[in-house]
Amino acid sequence: MNAFSLSLLCYPYHSSKHTGRGHDRYIAELVDNIRTECPEVALDVVDRGFSKRVVDGLLKLPIQAFDLLQRDADVYHATSTVAAASAFALGKGPIVAMIHDVVPFNVTGYDSPLKYRFWRQFIKLCVRRAAALIVPYQITKDWLVTNLNADPAKVHVVNYGVDHTTYFPRPGMARADRTILYVGEVSRSKGVEVLIRAFAEVKRQVPDAKLLIGGKRSLDQPFLEELSKTLGVSDLTFKGFIAESELADHYAQATLMVFPSNMGFGLSTLEAMACGTPVVAAASLDAPEFVADAGILAAPDNVADLASCLIRVLTQPELQRDLSQRSLARAALFSWARTARETMSVCAKVARRSVRSGTV
């Protein structure tokens, strides 16, 4: 790979492994691994820090624009479509844009319609104007090509990774009996309402089952806590945010990890798989592609099916062992080092193309 300069545009996210946001973790791992795996890349990270609320992020937008104006790189890699839109508006380029998912086109009822309208427009803008697009899964590429007429040659599939030095099997640590773990935002969009209703059914058939819900609080949490009381569900704990230093032990001690999200992939699922923990996930968007045959897939938003899948794993030790081995084999295919190398390969091709065409 030839040397080139790269500005990595983080907005509206923040390069950190400790905020509980998957996109922040993605950027942090990308930054660390570009520096170790691709030393020939002159990396400049444009990051305005963590924004807890949308309003906080919007207030930082003028500063982000000023920062971007100061940059003069061979390639700009926008880790979000809104960052790419800012770069387009300021005349920066060439731009490699990351499209994490197509949720705004496929999921409704959980967030502001106006917010999703903006996100849809940003995705369309990237499809039209970016020099290259990066997506985490083939199903996302296929959707963009089929529904937004994206040029297949311009869309590159680069999977997310997992940190195998942090997430790995712990044979000396005993798994808790019949304990279900959820790690993610505590919201309806991530399927937590469906999970609580399904767990009420699980308790009727597996009375000693336990559910631990860990993750950052959302506006939905009071409703979800009240729902658990209304259903009379016992052995359900809202753990709150789980620090990075504690996550691996939680995965290793759980009987299974559940991720019933309507929004597809979650990094916590892959981290649990790397610990050899059986996984049950909702078959939504890109989830079937990354889980493959390593886990159990439940019909999205289907309480009865999710309950049935959870009961199967909780009550069948042989299935638990099989899924554990499948999870380890599947997770071994993913690494952040590979993510960084493949991302930089795309950026290097764009840089070479720009030099040949005289645009940089």
Protein backbone atom coordinates (compact mmCIF):
# COMPACT_ATOMS: atom_id res chain seq x y z
CA MET A 1 0.00 0.00 0.00
CA ASN A 2 1.44 3.39 -1.01
CA ALA A 3 1.65 6.19 1.56
CA PHE A 4 -1.17 8.71 1.62
CA SER A 5 -2.77 11.17 4.03
CA LEU A 6 -6.20 10.48 5.46
CA SER A 7 -8.60 12.64 7.45
CA LEU A 8 -10.96 10.47 9.46
CA LEU A 9 -14.21 12.35 10.09
CA CYS A 10 -15.89 11.12 13.28
CA TYR A 11 -18.87 13.48 13.53
CA PRO A 12 -21.39 13.01 15.12
CA TYR A 13 -19.65 10.15 16.91
CA HIS A 14 -16.57 10.01 19.14
CA SER A 15 -13.55 7.73 19.10
CA SER A 16 -14.04 5.87 22.39
CA LYS A 17 -14.49 2.33 23.73
CA HIS A 18 -16.26 3.51 26.85
CA THR A 19 -19.45 5.35 25.83
CA GLY A 20 -21.59 2.27 25.21
CA ARG A 21 -22.26 3.33 21.60
CA GLY A 22 -21.31 0.84 18.92
CA HIS A 23 -20.36 3.52 16.39
CA ASP A 24 -17.97 5.13 18.89
CA ARG A 25 -16.36 1.74 19.50
CA TYR A 26 -16.06 1.15 15.75
CA ILE A 27 -14.19 4.44 15.28
CA ALA A 28 -11.90 3.84 18.25
CA GLU A 29 -10.94 0.39 17.01
CA LEU A 30 -10.45 1.72 13.48
CA VAL A 31 -8.13 4.47 14.70
CA ASP A 32 -6.05 2.13 16.89
CA ASN A 33 -5.71 -0.51 14.20
CA ILE A 34 -4.92 1.89 11.34
CA ARG A 35 -1.99 3.12 13.43
CA THR A 36 -0.70 -0.40 14.12
CA GLU A 37 -1.61 -2.15 10.86
CA CYS A 38 -1.11 0.68 8.35
CA PRO A 39 1.80 2.87 9.53
CA GLU A 40 2.27 4.26 6.01
CA VAL A 41 -1.04 6.13 6.35
CA ALA A 42 -0.70 9.68 7.71
CA LEU A 43 -3.81 9.62 9.88
CA ASP A 44 -5.55 12.78 11.06
CA VAL A 45 -8.58 12.24 13.32
CA VAL A 46 -11.23 14.98 13.24
CA ASP A 47 -13.16 14.39 16.47
CA ARG A 48 -15.11 16.94 18.53
CA GLY A 49 -15.75 14.59 21.48
CA PHE A 50 -18.79 12.85 22.87
CA SER A 51 -22.26 14.36 22.45
CA LYS A 52 -24.83 12.91 24.81
CA ARG A 53 -27.82 14.36 22.95
CA VAL A 54 -28.65 15.26 19.36
CA VAL A 55 -28.80 18.94 20.36
CA ASP A 56 -25.24 18.74 21.74
CA GLY A 57 -24.05 17.33 18.43
CA LEU A 58 -25.82 20.04 16.43
CA LEU A 59 -24.18 22.75 18.52
CA LYS A 60 -20.79 21.28 17.62
CA LEU A 61 -21.49 21.29 13.89
CA PRO A 62 -20.04 24.78 13.22
CA ILE A 63 -16.83 23.83 15.08
CA GLN A 64 -16.71 20.57 13.13
CA ALA A 65 -17.01 22.56 9.89
CA PHE A 66 -14.19 24.90 10.95
CA ASP A 67 -11.98 21.90 11.81
CA LEU A 68 -12.70 20.33 8.44
CA LEU A 69 -11.85 23.51 6.55
CA GLN A 70 -8.33 23.35 8.00
CA ARG A 71 -7.71 19.87 6.60
CA ASP A 72 -5.98 19.09 3.31
CA ALA A 73 -5.80 15.32 2.91
CA ASP A 74 -5.44 12.92 -0.02
CA VAL A 75 -8.61 11.16 1.12
CA TYR A 76 -11.41 11.92 3.59
CA HIS A 77 -13.04 8.93 5.26
CA ALA A 78 -16.42 9.88 6.71
CA THR A 79 -17.46 7.36 9.35
CA SER A 80 -21.08 8.53 9.08
CA THR A 81 -23.23 9.86 6.27
CA VAL A 82 -23.80 13.15 8.09
CA ALA A 83 -20.02 13.68 8.29
CA ALA A 84 -19.83 12.96 4.56
CA ALA A 85 -22.60 15.49 3.88
CA SER A 86 -20.62 18.15 5.79
CA ALA A 87 -17.52 17.39 3.73
CA PHE A 88 -19.47 17.60 0.48
CA ALA A 89 -20.90 20.97 1.52
CA LEU A 90 -17.40 22.31 2.19
CA GLY A 91 -16.01 21.06 -1.11
CA LYS A 92 -13.73 18.45 0.40
CA GLY A 93 -12.84 15.27 -1.42
CA PRO A 94 -12.38 12.61 -2.50
CA ILE A 95 -14.65 11.09 0.14
CA VAL A 96 -15.00 7.47 1.20
CA ALA A 97 -18.29 7.26 3.09
CA MET A 98 -19.28 4.60 5.62
CA ILE A 99 -22.94 3.55 5.51
CA HIS A 100 -23.43 1.46 8.65
CA ASP A 101 -26.97 0.34 7.84
CA VAL A 102 -30.17 1.18 5.99
CA VAL A 103 -32.31 1.34 9.14
CA PRO A 104 -33.95 4.70 8.17
CA PHE A 105 -35.49 3.02 5.12
CA ASN A 106 -36.66 -0.11 6.91
CA VAL A 107 -37.55 0.69 10.54
CA THR A 108 -40.24 3.15 11.63
CA GLY A 109 -42.08 4.12 14.79
CA TYR A 110 -39.14 4.29 17.18
CA ASP A 111 -37.52 7.63 16.41
CA SER A 112 -38.29 11.05 14.99
CA PRO A 113 -39.64 10.83 11.42
CA LEU A 114 -37.76 14.06 10.66
CA LYS A 115 -34.49 12.54 11.87
CA TYR A 116 -34.97 9.50 9.67
CA ARG A 117 -35.87 11.71 6.71
CA PHE A 118 -32.54 13.51 7.07
CA TRP A 119 -30.64 10.23 7.40
CA ARG A 120 -32.30 8.88 4.24
CA GLN A 121 -31.26 11.99 2.32
CA PHE A 122 -27.68 11.74 3.62
CA ILE A 123 -27.47 8.10 2.47
CA LYS A 124 -28.80 9.00 -0.98
CA LEU A 125 -26.30 11.87 -1.20
CA CYS A 126 -23.42 9.52 -0.38
CA VAL A 127 -24.57 7.02 -3.00
CA ARG A 128 -24.51 9.78 -5.62
CA ARG A 129 -21.38 11.70 -4.68
CA ALA A 130 -18.93 9.60 -2.65
CA ALA A 131 -15.86 8.28 -4.46
CA ALA A 132 -16.41 4.98 -2.67
CA LEU A 133 -18.80 3.52 -0.12
CA ILE A 134 -18.03 1.07 2.67
CA VAL A 135 -20.74 -1.12 4.19
CA PRO A 136 -20.36 -3.81 6.86
CA TYR A 137 -22.32 -6.58 5.14
CA GLN A 138 -23.21 -7.89 1.69
CA ILE A 139 -26.94 -7.55 2.36
CA THR A 140 -26.45 -3.80 2.86
CA LYS A 141 -24.58 -3.50 -0.44
CA ASP A 142 -27.28 -5.48 -2.24
CA TRP A 143 -29.99 -3.22 -0.78
CA LEU A 144 -28.19 -0.05 -1.92
CA VAL A 145 -27.65 -1.44 -5.41
CA THR A 146 -31.23 -2.67 -5.78
CA ASN A 147 -33.10 0.19 -4.13
CA LEU A 148 -30.88 3.26 -4.64
CA ASN A 149 -29.14 2.23 -7.88
CA ALA A 150 -25.70 2.38 -6.27
CA ASP A 151 -22.81 1.40 -8.56
CA PRO A 152 -21.77 -2.10 -7.36
CA ALA A 153 -18.12 -1.36 -8.15
CA LYS A 154 -18.21 1.62 -5.79
CA VAL A 155 -19.62 -0.28 -2.78
CA HIS A 156 -17.11 -2.27 -0.72
CA VAL A 157 -18.02 -4.76 2.01
CA VAL A 158 -15.78 -4.43 5.07
CA ASN A 159 -17.01 -6.33 8.12
CA TYR A 160 -16.90 -5.02 11.66
CA GLY A 161 -14.42 -6.73 13.96
CA VAL A 162 -13.96 -7.96 17.50
CA ASP A 163 -11.09 -7.49 19.95
CA HIS A 164 -9.91 -11.04 20.63
CA THR A 165 -7.47 -9.86 23.29
CA THR A 166 -10.45 -8.75 25.40
CA TYR A 167 -13.20 -11.13 24.33
CA PHE A 168 -12.21 -14.79 24.52
CA PRO A 169 -13.37 -17.96 26.34
CA ARG A 170 -12.75 -18.15 30.08
CA PRO A 171 -12.79 -21.89 30.88
CA GLY A 172 -12.03 -21.23 34.55
CA MET A 173 -15.17 -19.14 34.94
CA ALA A 174 -18.37 -21.09 35.52
CA ARG A 175 -21.49 -20.12 33.61
CA ALA A 176 -24.50 -19.19 35.69
CA ASP A 177 -27.45 -21.58 35.44
CA ARG A 178 -30.19 -20.55 33.02
CA THR A 179 -29.12 -16.91 32.82
CA ILE A 180 -29.97 -14.75 29.82
CA LEU A 181 -27.89 -11.63 29.13
CA TYR A 182 -28.83 -8.63 27.00
CA VAL A 183 -26.29 -5.86 26.36
CA GLY A 184 -27.30 -2.81 24.36
CA GLU A 185 -29.41 0.29 24.53
CA VAL A 186 -32.42 -0.30 26.76
CA SER A 187 -35.04 0.70 24.22
CA ARG A 188 -38.00 -0.65 22.28
CA SER A 189 -36.12 -0.30 18.97
CA LYS A 190 -33.54 -2.80 20.24
CA GLY A 191 -36.33 -5.26 21.01
CA VAL A 192 -36.24 -4.96 24.80
CA GLU A 193 -40.05 -4.76 25.10
CA VAL A 194 -40.38 -7.97 23.09
CA LEU A 195 -37.65 -9.54 25.23
CA ILE A 196 -39.42 -8.72 28.51
CA ARG A 197 -42.71 -10.13 27.21
CA ALA A 198 -40.90 -13.24 25.94
CA PHE A 199 -39.13 -13.66 29.28
CA ALA A 200 -42.50 -13.68 31.04
CA GLU A 201 -43.35 -16.74 28.93
CA VAL A 202 -39.93 -18.28 29.57
CA LYS A 203 -40.52 -18.00 33.33
CA ARG A 204 -43.73 -19.97 33.03
CA GLN A 205 -41.84 -22.90 31.51
CA VAL A 206 -38.40 -22.41 33.10
CA PRO A 207 -39.15 -21.01 36.58
CA ASP A 208 -35.50 -20.59 37.60
CA ALA A 209 -34.54 -18.58 34.49
CA LYS A 210 -32.94 -15.17 35.02
CA LEU A 211 -32.60 -12.14 32.76
CA LEU A 212 -29.94 -9.44 33.09
CA ILE A 213 -30.47 -6.32 30.98
CA GLY A 214 -27.32 -4.23 30.70
CA GLY A 215 -26.85 -1.06 28.70
CA LYS A 216 -27.28 2.65 28.58
CA ARG A 217 -30.62 4.11 29.59
CA SER A 218 -33.05 5.46 27.00
CA LEU A 219 -36.31 7.38 27.17
CA ASP A 220 -38.07 4.01 26.95
CA GLN A 221 -36.62 2.62 30.17
CA PRO A 222 -39.32 3.82 32.61
CA PHE A 223 -41.95 2.19 30.37
CA LEU A 224 -39.93 -1.02 30.17
CA GLU A 225 -39.41 -1.16 33.93
CA GLU A 226 -43.12 -0.62 34.49
CA LEU A 227 -43.92 -3.32 31.94
CA SER A 228 -41.85 -5.87 33.86
CA LYS A 229 -43.79 -5.00 37.03
CA THR A 230 -47.14 -5.20 35.26
CA LEU A 231 -46.27 -8.64 33.90
CA GLY A 232 -45.13 -9.71 37.36
CA VAL A 233 -41.77 -10.88 36.02
CA SER A 234 -39.29 -11.90 38.71
CA ASP A 235 -35.54 -12.52 38.34
CA LEU A 236 -35.22 -9.63 35.88
CA THR A 237 -32.48 -7.10 36.65
CA PHE A 238 -31.84 -3.76 34.94
CA LYS A 239 -28.08 -3.61 35.44
CA GLY A 240 -27.53 -0.24 33.77
CA PHE A 241 -24.41 0.65 31.83
CA ILE A 242 -21.75 -2.08 31.98
CA ALA A 243 -18.17 -0.82 31.81
CA GLU A 244 -15.85 -2.18 29.14
CA SER A 245 -13.68 -3.79 31.82
CA GLU A 246 -16.63 -5.89 33.05
CA LEU A 247 -18.26 -6.91 29.77
CA ALA A 248 -16.20 -9.99 28.96
CA ASP A 249 -16.90 -11.55 32.36
CA HIS A 250 -20.63 -10.94 31.93
CA TYR A 251 -20.56 -12.66 28.53
CA ALA A 252 -18.53 -15.57 29.88
CA GLN A 253 -20.86 -16.13 32.84
CA ALA A 254 -24.16 -16.02 30.91
CA THR A 255 -25.89 -19.15 29.64
CA LEU A 256 -26.76 -17.23 26.50
CA MET A 257 -26.70 -13.75 25.00
CA VAL A 258 -29.86 -12.38 23.41
CA PHE A 259 -30.07 -9.49 20.94
CA PRO A 260 -33.67 -9.09 19.70
CA SER A 261 -33.03 -5.77 17.91
CA ASN A 262 -35.11 -4.52 15.01
CA MET A 263 -31.98 -2.77 13.77
CA GLY A 264 -29.83 -5.76 12.92
CA PHE A 265 -26.20 -6.13 13.93
CA GLY A 266 -24.92 -5.32 17.42
CA LEU A 267 -21.26 -5.43 18.44
CA SER A 268 -22.24 -7.03 21.76
CA THR A 269 -23.46 -10.09 19.85
CA LEU A 270 -20.10 -10.61 18.16
CA GLU A 271 -18.24 -9.99 21.43
CA ALA A 272 -20.36 -12.63 23.17
CA MET A 273 -19.69 -15.10 20.36
CA ALA A 274 -15.95 -14.51 20.76
CA CYS A 275 -16.37 -15.56 24.41
CA GLY A 276 -18.03 -18.78 23.28
CA THR A 277 -21.45 -17.70 24.51
CA PRO A 278 -24.51 -19.07 22.66
CA VAL A 279 -26.46 -16.34 20.87
CA VAL A 280 -30.14 -15.81 20.12
CA ALA A 281 -30.84 -12.83 17.83
CA ALA A 282 -33.73 -11.40 15.88
CA ALA A 283 -33.53 -12.19 12.16
CA SER A 284 -33.67 -8.51 11.16
CA LEU A 285 -31.73 -6.68 8.44
CA ASP A 286 -28.07 -7.84 8.48
CA ALA A 287 -28.31 -10.09 11.57
CA PRO A 288 -28.76 -13.37 9.62
CA GLU A 289 -25.59 -12.62 7.64
CA PHE A 290 -23.27 -12.04 10.60
CA VAL A 291 -24.78 -14.71 12.86
CA ALA A 292 -24.99 -17.25 10.02
CA ASP A 293 -25.32 -20.78 11.48
CA ALA A 294 -23.53 -19.87 14.73
CA GLY A 295 -26.67 -18.83 16.62
CA ILE A 296 -30.43 -19.16 16.82
CA LEU A 297 -32.49 -16.61 14.87
CA ALA A 298 -35.97 -15.62 16.05
CA ALA A 299 -38.65 -13.90 14.01
CA PRO A 300 -38.43 -10.12 14.64
CA ASP A 301 -41.06 -8.70 17.01
CA ASN A 302 -42.44 -12.20 17.66
CA VAL A 303 -42.79 -12.78 21.40
CA ALA A 304 -43.74 -16.44 21.12
CA ASP A 305 -40.90 -17.32 18.76
CA LEU A 306 -38.29 -15.48 20.84
CA ALA A 307 -39.52 -17.24 23.98
CA SER A 308 -39.35 -20.61 22.23
CA CYS A 309 -35.77 -19.97 21.06
CA LEU A 310 -34.67 -18.90 24.55
CA ILE A 311 -36.26 -21.94 26.16
CA ARG A 312 -34.56 -24.28 23.68
CA VAL A 313 -31.11 -22.98 24.52
CA LEU A 314 -31.72 -22.72 28.28
CA THR A 315 -32.95 -26.29 28.57
CA GLN A 316 -30.67 -28.14 26.15
CA PRO A 317 -27.05 -28.44 27.34
CA GLU A 318 -26.02 -30.23 24.15
CA LEU A 319 -27.35 -27.33 22.07
CA GLN A 320 -25.48 -24.90 24.32
CA ARG A 321 -22.20 -26.73 23.69
CA ASP A 322 -22.80 -26.88 19.94
CA LEU A 323 -23.67 -23.18 19.71
CA SER A 324 -20.65 -22.28 21.84
CA GLN A 325 -18.29 -24.00 19.40
CA ARG A 326 -20.06 -22.49 16.40
CA SER A 327 -19.86 -19.04 17.98
CA LEU A 328 -16.12 -19.32 18.53
CA ALA A 329 -15.52 -20.47 14.96
CA ARG A 330 -17.68 -17.68 13.54
CA ALA A 331 -16.15 -14.92 15.68
CA ALA A 332 -12.65 -16.04 14.69
CA LEU A 333 -13.38 -14.79 11.17
CA PHE A 334 -13.64 -11.17 12.37
CA SER A 335 -10.96 -8.81 13.68
CA TRP A 336 -10.50 -5.06 13.92
CA ALA A 337 -7.05 -5.43 12.33
CA ARG A 338 -8.69 -6.85 9.23
CA THR A 339 -11.33 -4.09 9.31
CA ALA A 340 -8.59 -1.44 9.35
CA ARG A 341 -6.54 -3.06 6.57
CA GLU A 342 -9.51 -3.48 4.26
CA THR A 343 -10.80 0.04 4.97
CA MET A 344 -7.39 1.52 4.17
CA SER A 345 -7.18 -0.58 1.01
CA VAL A 346 -10.37 1.10 -0.24
CA CYS A 347 -9.05 4.54 0.72
CA ALA A 348 -5.68 3.85 -0.98
CA LYS A 349 -7.42 2.95 -4.25
CA VAL A 350 -9.40 6.19 -4.11
CA ALA A 351 -6.20 8.16 -3.43
CA ARG A 352 -4.42 6.58 -6.40
CA ARG A 353 -7.40 7.23 -8.66
CA SER A 354 -7.49 10.88 -7.59
CA VAL A 355 -3.78 11.34 -8.27
CA ARG A 356 -4.16 9.88 -11.76
CA SER A 357 -7.12 12.12 -12.53
CA GLY A 358 -5.33 15.18 -11.12
CA THR A 359 -7.98 15.98 -8.47
CA VAL A 360 -5.48 16.05 -5.58
